Amino acid sequence: MIGKTNSEGRLVSVSEVQEILEERQKDGELGYEQTLAYEYTKKFNKLSRADAEKMKKELEALGLSEKLSLKVMEIMPVDVSQLKLILAMDKSRAPTEDTELAKIMEVVKSYSK
């Protein structure tokens, strides 16, 4: 709705969005934007909600922000060059060392299907 503000602003994983939209779909028909978001989650969700929560904690333990952790989980980079592009989103973040990149890639690979 126009003019309506979201009082609860929090970041969520793609798997959590999919679960939320599935619950709303049970209650009734989804709106246009919700349908598009649901189709996106069905197509690109690569993790279960439990795995997403575990992976997020592991990535945050390695020093990634919540936003970067969720973006890494959404994209699931296959190599270090993709990971570097994701990490470049955060301009305030210092350049990441190769050892840290390797640890992040290990986490990503452990959750890849």
N, C-alpha and C. Protein backbone atom coordinates (compact mmCIF):
# COMPACT_ATOMS: atom_id res chain seq x y z
N MET A 1 0.84 -1.18 0.00
CA MET A 1 0.00 0.00 0.00
C MET A 1 0.88 1.24 0.00
N ILE A 2 0.42 2.23 -0.68
CA ILE A 2 1.16 3.47 -0.75
C ILE A 2 1.08 4.17 0.60
N GLY A 3 2.22 4.63 1.07
CA GLY A 3 2.27 5.36 2.31
C GLY A 3 2.38 4.49 3.55
N LYS A 4 2.31 3.19 3.39
CA LYS A 4 2.42 2.31 4.54
C LYS A 4 3.90 2.08 4.82
N THR A 5 4.28 2.19 6.07
CA THR A 5 5.67 1.97 6.42
C THR A 5 5.84 0.63 7.09
N ASN A 6 7.00 0.08 6.94
CA ASN A 6 7.33 -1.20 7.55
C ASN A 6 8.04 -0.90 8.86
N SER A 7 7.39 -1.19 9.97
CA SER A 7 7.98 -0.89 11.26
C SER A 7 9.03 -1.93 11.67
N GLU A 8 8.91 -3.13 11.14
CA GLU A 8 9.87 -4.18 11.46
C GLU A 8 10.73 -4.44 10.24
N GLY A 9 11.90 -3.86 10.22
CA GLY A 9 12.80 -4.07 9.10
C GLY A 9 13.89 -5.04 9.48
N ARG A 10 13.87 -6.23 8.93
CA ARG A 10 14.92 -7.20 9.21
C ARG A 10 15.26 -7.95 7.94
N LEU A 11 16.48 -8.39 7.87
CA LEU A 11 16.93 -9.15 6.72
C LEU A 11 16.61 -10.62 6.93
N VAL A 12 16.18 -11.29 5.87
CA VAL A 12 15.85 -12.71 5.95
C VAL A 12 16.45 -13.44 4.75
N SER A 13 16.66 -14.72 4.92
CA SER A 13 17.21 -15.54 3.85
C SER A 13 16.12 -15.88 2.84
N VAL A 14 16.54 -16.32 1.67
CA VAL A 14 15.61 -16.70 0.62
C VAL A 14 14.74 -17.86 1.07
N SER A 15 15.33 -18.79 1.82
CA SER A 15 14.55 -19.94 2.30
C SER A 15 13.47 -19.51 3.29
N GLU A 16 13.77 -18.49 4.11
CA GLU A 16 12.77 -17.99 5.04
C GLU A 16 11.65 -17.26 4.30
N VAL A 17 12.01 -16.52 3.26
CA VAL A 17 11.00 -15.85 2.44
C VAL A 17 10.08 -16.89 1.80
N GLN A 18 10.66 -17.98 1.31
CA GLN A 18 9.86 -19.02 0.69
C GLN A 18 8.88 -19.61 1.69
N GLU A 19 9.32 -19.87 2.91
CA GLU A 19 8.42 -20.43 3.92
C GLU A 19 7.30 -19.45 4.28
N ILE A 20 7.65 -18.19 4.41
CA ILE A 20 6.65 -17.16 4.73
C ILE A 20 5.59 -17.10 3.63
N LEU A 21 6.04 -17.08 2.38
CA LEU A 21 5.09 -16.99 1.26
C LEU A 21 4.26 -18.26 1.12
N GLU A 22 4.82 -19.41 1.44
CA GLU A 22 4.03 -20.65 1.40
C GLU A 22 2.93 -20.61 2.45
N GLU A 23 3.21 -20.08 3.63
CA GLU A 23 2.20 -19.94 4.67
C GLU A 23 1.10 -18.97 4.23
N ARG A 24 1.51 -17.85 3.64
CA ARG A 24 0.51 -16.88 3.17
C ARG A 24 -0.32 -17.45 2.04
N GLN A 25 0.28 -18.29 1.22
CA GLN A 25 -0.45 -18.89 0.11
C GLN A 25 -1.53 -19.84 0.63
N LYS A 26 -1.27 -20.49 1.74
CA LYS A 26 -2.27 -21.38 2.35
C LYS A 26 -3.48 -20.58 2.84
N ASP A 27 -3.22 -19.36 3.31
CA ASP A 27 -4.30 -18.51 3.83
C ASP A 27 -5.14 -17.87 2.73
N GLY A 28 -4.59 -17.75 1.55
CA GLY A 28 -5.32 -17.13 0.45
C GLY A 28 -4.38 -16.86 -0.71
N GLU A 29 -4.91 -16.22 -1.72
CA GLU A 29 -4.15 -15.94 -2.92
C GLU A 29 -3.10 -14.86 -2.66
N LEU A 30 -1.92 -15.06 -3.25
CA LEU A 30 -0.85 -14.08 -3.12
C LEU A 30 -1.07 -12.94 -4.10
N GLY A 31 -0.59 -11.77 -3.74
CA GLY A 31 -0.64 -10.63 -4.65
C GLY A 31 0.38 -10.81 -5.76
N TYR A 32 0.38 -9.88 -6.71
CA TYR A 32 1.26 -9.98 -7.87
C TYR A 32 2.73 -10.02 -7.45
N GLU A 33 3.15 -9.07 -6.62
CA GLU A 33 4.54 -9.00 -6.20
C GLU A 33 4.93 -10.22 -5.37
N GLN A 34 4.01 -10.68 -4.53
CA GLN A 34 4.28 -11.86 -3.72
C GLN A 34 4.42 -13.10 -4.59
N THR A 35 3.60 -13.20 -5.61
CA THR A 35 3.70 -14.33 -6.54
C THR A 35 5.05 -14.33 -7.25
N LEU A 36 5.49 -13.15 -7.69
CA LEU A 36 6.80 -13.05 -8.34
C LEU A 36 7.92 -13.44 -7.38
N ALA A 37 7.84 -12.97 -6.14
CA ALA A 37 8.85 -13.30 -5.15
C ALA A 37 8.84 -14.79 -4.86
N TYR A 38 7.66 -15.39 -4.78
CA TYR A 38 7.55 -16.82 -4.51
C TYR A 38 8.15 -17.64 -5.66
N GLU A 39 7.85 -17.25 -6.88
CA GLU A 39 8.42 -17.95 -8.04
C GLU A 39 9.95 -17.85 -8.04
N TYR A 40 10.46 -16.68 -7.65
CA TYR A 40 11.91 -16.49 -7.56
C TYR A 40 12.50 -17.43 -6.52
N THR A 41 11.87 -17.52 -5.36
CA THR A 41 12.40 -18.38 -4.30
C THR A 41 12.36 -19.85 -4.71
N LYS A 42 11.30 -20.26 -5.40
CA LYS A 42 11.23 -21.66 -5.85
C LYS A 42 12.34 -21.97 -6.84
N LYS A 43 12.69 -20.99 -7.64
CA LYS A 43 13.69 -21.21 -8.68
C LYS A 43 15.12 -21.15 -8.13
N PHE A 44 15.37 -20.24 -7.18
CA PHE A 44 16.75 -19.98 -6.78
C PHE A 44 17.11 -20.38 -5.35
N ASN A 45 16.18 -20.83 -4.56
CA ASN A 45 16.50 -21.23 -3.20
C ASN A 45 17.33 -22.49 -3.22
N LYS A 46 18.49 -22.44 -2.59
CA LYS A 46 19.40 -23.57 -2.63
C LYS A 46 19.58 -24.24 -1.27
N LEU A 47 18.96 -23.67 -0.23
CA LEU A 47 19.17 -24.18 1.13
C LEU A 47 17.85 -24.38 1.86
N SER A 48 17.85 -25.32 2.77
CA SER A 48 16.71 -25.42 3.68
C SER A 48 16.85 -24.31 4.71
N ARG A 49 15.79 -24.04 5.44
CA ARG A 49 15.85 -22.96 6.42
C ARG A 49 16.87 -23.28 7.52
N ALA A 50 16.91 -24.54 7.96
CA ALA A 50 17.86 -24.93 9.00
C ALA A 50 19.31 -24.76 8.52
N ASP A 51 19.58 -25.21 7.29
CA ASP A 51 20.92 -25.04 6.73
C ASP A 51 21.26 -23.56 6.56
N ALA A 52 20.28 -22.77 6.15
CA ALA A 52 20.51 -21.34 5.96
C ALA A 52 20.88 -20.67 7.28
N GLU A 53 20.22 -21.05 8.35
CA GLU A 53 20.54 -20.47 9.66
C GLU A 53 21.94 -20.87 10.11
N LYS A 54 22.30 -22.14 9.91
CA LYS A 54 23.64 -22.60 10.29
C LYS A 54 24.71 -21.90 9.46
N MET A 55 24.47 -21.82 8.15
CA MET A 55 25.45 -21.19 7.28
C MET A 55 25.62 -19.72 7.62
N LYS A 56 24.53 -19.05 7.90
CA LYS A 56 24.59 -17.63 8.25
C LYS A 56 25.45 -17.43 9.51
N LYS A 57 25.25 -18.27 10.51
CA LYS A 57 26.05 -18.17 11.73
C LYS A 57 27.53 -18.41 11.45
N GLU A 58 27.83 -19.39 10.60
CA GLU A 58 29.22 -19.68 10.26
C GLU A 58 29.86 -18.52 9.52
N LEU A 59 29.13 -17.93 8.57
CA LEU A 59 29.67 -16.80 7.81
C LEU A 59 29.86 -15.57 8.70
N GLU A 60 28.93 -15.33 9.58
CA GLU A 60 29.06 -14.20 10.49
C GLU A 60 30.22 -14.41 11.46
N ALA A 61 30.49 -15.67 11.85
CA ALA A 61 31.63 -15.98 12.71
C ALA A 61 32.96 -15.69 12.00
N LEU A 62 32.94 -15.73 10.67
CA LEU A 62 34.14 -15.42 9.89
C LEU A 62 34.29 -13.92 9.66
N GLY A 63 33.37 -13.12 10.17
CA GLY A 63 33.51 -11.67 10.08
C GLY A 63 32.64 -10.99 9.05
N LEU A 64 31.75 -11.73 8.39
CA LEU A 64 30.87 -11.11 7.41
C LEU A 64 29.68 -10.47 8.13
N SER A 65 29.19 -9.39 7.57
CA SER A 65 27.99 -8.76 8.12
C SER A 65 26.78 -9.63 7.76
N GLU A 66 25.66 -9.33 8.40
CA GLU A 66 24.44 -10.09 8.12
C GLU A 66 24.05 -9.94 6.65
N LYS A 67 24.14 -8.73 6.14
CA LYS A 67 23.77 -8.46 4.75
C LYS A 67 24.65 -9.25 3.78
N LEU A 68 25.96 -9.24 4.01
CA LEU A 68 26.86 -9.98 3.12
C LEU A 68 26.66 -11.49 3.26
N SER A 69 26.42 -11.95 4.47
CA SER A 69 26.17 -13.38 4.67
C SER A 69 24.96 -13.84 3.88
N LEU A 70 23.89 -13.07 3.95
CA LEU A 70 22.67 -13.43 3.21
C LEU A 70 22.90 -13.38 1.70
N LYS A 71 23.67 -12.41 1.23
CA LYS A 71 23.95 -12.31 -0.20
C LYS A 71 24.80 -13.49 -0.67
N VAL A 72 25.78 -13.89 0.13
CA VAL A 72 26.59 -15.06 -0.21
C VAL A 72 25.71 -16.30 -0.26
N MET A 73 24.79 -16.42 0.70
CA MET A 73 23.89 -17.57 0.73
C MET A 73 22.95 -17.58 -0.47
N GLU A 74 22.52 -16.42 -0.90
CA GLU A 74 21.61 -16.34 -2.04
C GLU A 74 22.31 -16.72 -3.34
N ILE A 75 23.53 -16.24 -3.52
CA ILE A 75 24.24 -16.46 -4.77
C ILE A 75 25.01 -17.78 -4.78
N MET A 76 25.52 -18.19 -3.61
CA MET A 76 26.34 -19.40 -3.50
C MET A 76 27.45 -19.40 -4.56
N PRO A 77 28.43 -18.51 -4.40
CA PRO A 77 29.48 -18.39 -5.42
C PRO A 77 30.22 -19.70 -5.61
N VAL A 78 30.63 -19.94 -6.86
CA VAL A 78 31.33 -21.19 -7.17
C VAL A 78 32.84 -21.02 -7.18
N ASP A 79 33.30 -19.78 -7.20
CA ASP A 79 34.74 -19.56 -7.14
C ASP A 79 35.04 -18.25 -6.41
N VAL A 80 36.31 -18.02 -6.16
CA VAL A 80 36.75 -16.87 -5.37
C VAL A 80 36.45 -15.56 -6.08
N SER A 81 36.51 -15.53 -7.40
CA SER A 81 36.24 -14.28 -8.12
C SER A 81 34.78 -13.83 -7.90
N GLN A 82 33.84 -14.75 -7.89
CA GLN A 82 32.46 -14.39 -7.59
C GLN A 82 32.32 -13.91 -6.16
N LEU A 83 33.00 -14.57 -5.25
CA LEU A 83 32.96 -14.18 -3.84
C LEU A 83 33.50 -12.76 -3.66
N LYS A 84 34.58 -12.44 -4.34
CA LYS A 84 35.16 -11.09 -4.24
C LYS A 84 34.18 -10.03 -4.72
N LEU A 85 33.42 -10.34 -5.77
CA LEU A 85 32.42 -9.39 -6.26
C LEU A 85 31.32 -9.15 -5.23
N ILE A 86 30.91 -10.20 -4.54
CA ILE A 86 29.89 -10.06 -3.50
C ILE A 86 30.42 -9.22 -2.35
N LEU A 87 31.64 -9.51 -1.92
CA LEU A 87 32.23 -8.78 -0.80
C LEU A 87 32.51 -7.33 -1.14
N ALA A 88 32.66 -7.02 -2.42
CA ALA A 88 32.90 -5.64 -2.84
C ALA A 88 31.67 -4.76 -2.65
N MET A 89 30.51 -5.38 -2.37
CA MET A 89 29.30 -4.60 -2.11
C MET A 89 29.48 -3.69 -0.90
N ASP A 90 30.24 -4.15 0.08
CA ASP A 90 30.45 -3.40 1.31
C ASP A 90 31.69 -2.53 1.14
N LYS A 91 31.49 -1.27 0.85
CA LYS A 91 32.60 -0.35 0.59
C LYS A 91 33.44 -0.09 1.83
N SER A 92 32.84 -0.20 3.01
CA SER A 92 33.57 0.09 4.24
C SER A 92 34.44 -1.08 4.69
N ARG A 93 34.26 -2.24 4.07
CA ARG A 93 35.00 -3.44 4.44
C ARG A 93 36.41 -3.39 3.87
N ALA A 94 37.37 -3.74 4.69
CA ALA A 94 38.75 -3.80 4.23
C ALA A 94 38.91 -4.96 3.25
N PRO A 95 39.88 -4.86 2.36
CA PRO A 95 40.10 -5.97 1.43
C PRO A 95 40.33 -7.28 2.19
N THR A 96 39.76 -8.34 1.66
CA THR A 96 39.80 -9.63 2.32
C THR A 96 41.05 -10.40 1.90
N GLU A 97 41.70 -11.01 2.88
CA GLU A 97 42.89 -11.80 2.59
C GLU A 97 42.50 -13.13 1.96
N ASP A 98 43.46 -13.73 1.27
CA ASP A 98 43.20 -15.00 0.59
C ASP A 98 42.82 -16.11 1.55
N THR A 99 43.41 -16.12 2.75
CA THR A 99 43.06 -17.17 3.72
C THR A 99 41.62 -17.04 4.18
N GLU A 100 41.17 -15.80 4.36
CA GLU A 100 39.78 -15.57 4.77
C GLU A 100 38.82 -15.97 3.64
N LEU A 101 39.19 -15.64 2.41
CA LEU A 101 38.37 -16.02 1.25
C LEU A 101 38.26 -17.55 1.16
N ALA A 102 39.37 -18.22 1.42
CA ALA A 102 39.36 -19.69 1.36
C ALA A 102 38.44 -20.27 2.42
N LYS A 103 38.44 -19.69 3.62
CA LYS A 103 37.56 -20.18 4.69
C LYS A 103 36.10 -19.97 4.33
N ILE A 104 35.78 -18.81 3.74
CA ILE A 104 34.41 -18.53 3.33
C ILE A 104 33.97 -19.51 2.24
N MET A 105 34.86 -19.76 1.28
CA MET A 105 34.54 -20.71 0.20
C MET A 105 34.35 -22.12 0.74
N GLU A 106 35.09 -22.50 1.78
CA GLU A 106 34.90 -23.82 2.39
C GLU A 106 33.49 -23.95 2.96
N VAL A 107 33.03 -22.89 3.62
CA VAL A 107 31.68 -22.91 4.18
C VAL A 107 30.66 -23.02 3.04
N VAL A 108 30.84 -22.23 1.99
CA VAL A 108 29.90 -22.26 0.86
C VAL A 108 29.86 -23.64 0.23
N LYS A 109 31.03 -24.22 0.01
CA LYS A 109 31.10 -25.54 -0.63
C LYS A 109 30.48 -26.63 0.25
N SER A 110 30.59 -26.46 1.57
CA SER A 110 30.03 -27.48 2.46
C SER A 110 28.50 -27.49 2.41
N TYR A 111 27.87 -26.37 2.01
CA TYR A 111 26.43 -26.31 1.92
C TYR A 111 25.92 -26.39 0.48
N SER A 112 26.81 -26.43 -0.49
CA SER A 112 26.39 -26.54 -1.89
C SER A 112 25.83 -27.92 -2.16
N LYS A 113 24.83 -27.97 -3.03
CA LYS A 113 24.21 -29.26 -3.37
C LYS A 113 24.89 -29.88 -4.55
